[in-house]
Protein backbone atom coordinates (compact mmCIF):
# COMPACT_ATOMS: atom_id res chain seq x y z
CA UNK A 1 -6.22 -35.48 2.18
CA UNK A 2 -4.63 -36.11 -1.22
CA UNK A 3 -8.01 -36.02 -2.98
CA UNK A 4 -8.44 -32.35 -2.02
CA UNK A 5 -5.07 -31.27 -3.38
CA UNK A 6 -5.56 -29.04 -6.47
CA UNK A 7 -4.33 -30.61 -9.67
CA UNK A 8 -3.63 -27.36 -11.52
CA UNK A 9 -2.35 -23.89 -10.82
CA UNK A 10 -4.71 -21.15 -9.89
CA UNK A 11 -5.42 -18.66 -12.70
CA UNK A 12 -3.88 -15.20 -12.68
CA UNK A 13 -6.08 -12.55 -11.01
CA UNK A 14 -8.12 -10.42 -13.34
CA UNK A 15 -7.00 -6.82 -13.63
CA UNK A 16 -9.56 -4.30 -14.84
CA UNK A 17 -10.50 -0.71 -14.31
CA UNK A 18 -10.30 -1.03 -10.50
CA UNK A 19 -10.30 2.71 -9.72
CA UNK A 20 -13.36 3.30 -11.92
CA UNK A 21 -15.22 0.35 -10.42
CA UNK A 22 -14.62 1.44 -6.83
CA UNK A 23 -15.46 5.03 -7.67
CA UNK A 24 -18.71 4.00 -9.35
CA UNK A 25 -19.66 1.81 -6.42
CA UNK A 26 -18.96 4.67 -3.97
CA UNK A 27 -21.11 7.02 -5.98
CA UNK A 28 -23.97 4.44 -5.98
CA UNK A 29 -23.74 4.19 -2.14
CA UNK A 30 -23.91 7.97 -1.70
CA UNK A 31 -26.77 8.30 -4.22
CA UNK A 32 -28.71 5.61 -2.32
CA UNK A 33 -28.11 7.52 0.89
CA UNK A 34 -29.28 10.81 -0.59
CA UNK A 35 -32.40 9.20 -2.17
CA UNK A 36 -33.40 7.67 1.18
CA UNK A 37 -32.66 10.75 3.24
CA UNK A 38 -36.04 12.49 2.61
CA UNK A 39 -37.80 9.37 3.92
CA UNK A 40 -35.91 9.34 7.21
CA UNK A 41 -39.16 9.68 9.19
CA UNK A 42 -40.64 6.62 7.55
CA UNK A 43 -37.49 4.57 8.14
CA UNK A 44 -37.40 5.70 11.75
CA UNK A 45 -41.07 4.81 12.34
CA UNK A 46 -40.65 1.33 10.88
CA UNK A 47 -37.26 0.58 12.49
CA UNK A 48 -35.34 0.63 9.21
CA UNK A 49 -32.92 3.49 9.82
CA UNK A 50 -30.10 1.04 9.44
CA UNK A 51 -30.73 1.04 5.69
CA UNK A 52 -29.89 4.74 5.63
CA UNK A 53 -26.77 4.35 7.76
CA UNK A 54 -25.62 1.32 5.79
CA UNK A 55 -25.59 3.42 2.63
CA UNK A 56 -23.64 6.17 4.37
CA UNK A 57 -21.11 3.68 5.75
CA UNK A 58 -20.78 2.10 2.26
CA UNK A 59 -20.02 5.57 0.82
CA UNK A 60 -17.50 6.30 3.59
CA UNK A 61 -15.75 3.01 3.18
CA UNK A 62 -15.81 3.53 -0.58
CA UNK A 63 -13.81 6.76 -0.12
CA UNK A 64 -11.16 4.76 1.75
CA UNK A 65 -11.32 2.19 -1.08
CA UNK A 66 -10.76 4.94 -3.70
CA UNK A 67 -7.76 6.21 -1.83
CA UNK A 68 -6.37 2.66 -1.52
CA UNK A 69 -6.84 1.59 -5.15
CA UNK A 70 -5.40 4.85 -6.50
CA UNK A 71 -2.27 4.35 -4.40
CA UNK A 72 -2.07 0.69 -5.49
CA UNK A 73 -2.52 1.61 -9.15
CA UNK A 74 0.19 4.26 -8.88
CA UNK A 75 2.54 1.81 -7.27
CA UNK A 76 1.92 -0.85 -9.98
CA UNK A 77 2.57 1.72 -12.71
CA UNK A 78 5.70 2.99 -10.92
CA UNK A 79 7.04 -0.53 -10.58
CA UNK A 80 6.36 -1.27 -14.26
CA UNK A 81 8.14 1.96 -15.29
CA UNK A 82 11.18 1.12 -13.14
CA UNK A 83 11.26 -2.39 -14.61
CA UNK A 84 11.11 -1.07 -18.18
CA UNK A 85 13.91 1.44 -17.60
CA UNK A 86 15.97 -1.25 -15.94
CA UNK A 87 15.62 -3.58 -18.94
CA UNK A 88 16.25 -0.78 -21.49
CA UNK A 89 19.58 0.42 -19.95
CA UNK A 90 22.47 -2.01 -20.43
CA UNK A 91 24.40 -2.85 -17.29
CA UNK A 92 28.03 -1.75 -17.22
CA UNK A 93 30.52 -4.59 -17.67
CA UNK A 94 33.07 -5.02 -14.92
């Protein structure tokens, strides 16, 4: 089992424009749904309506994702602001 033990620490997670990424992906899912909607009859005839509903589900889950990452981003910024105010203010000596 020792040969499978990692020999170095894992890298820090990458932080990027998470809200913009999730929003963009959600828009893509909804656009794909809207583009396929006029062809519903063809999808139904060929048994591929799941393509349409997958795009709609992706858009719906994307809305939940947007809500989640906005709350997460706000919490991270709030924690950073609290930390910076805590380090700027000297603590009273007893």
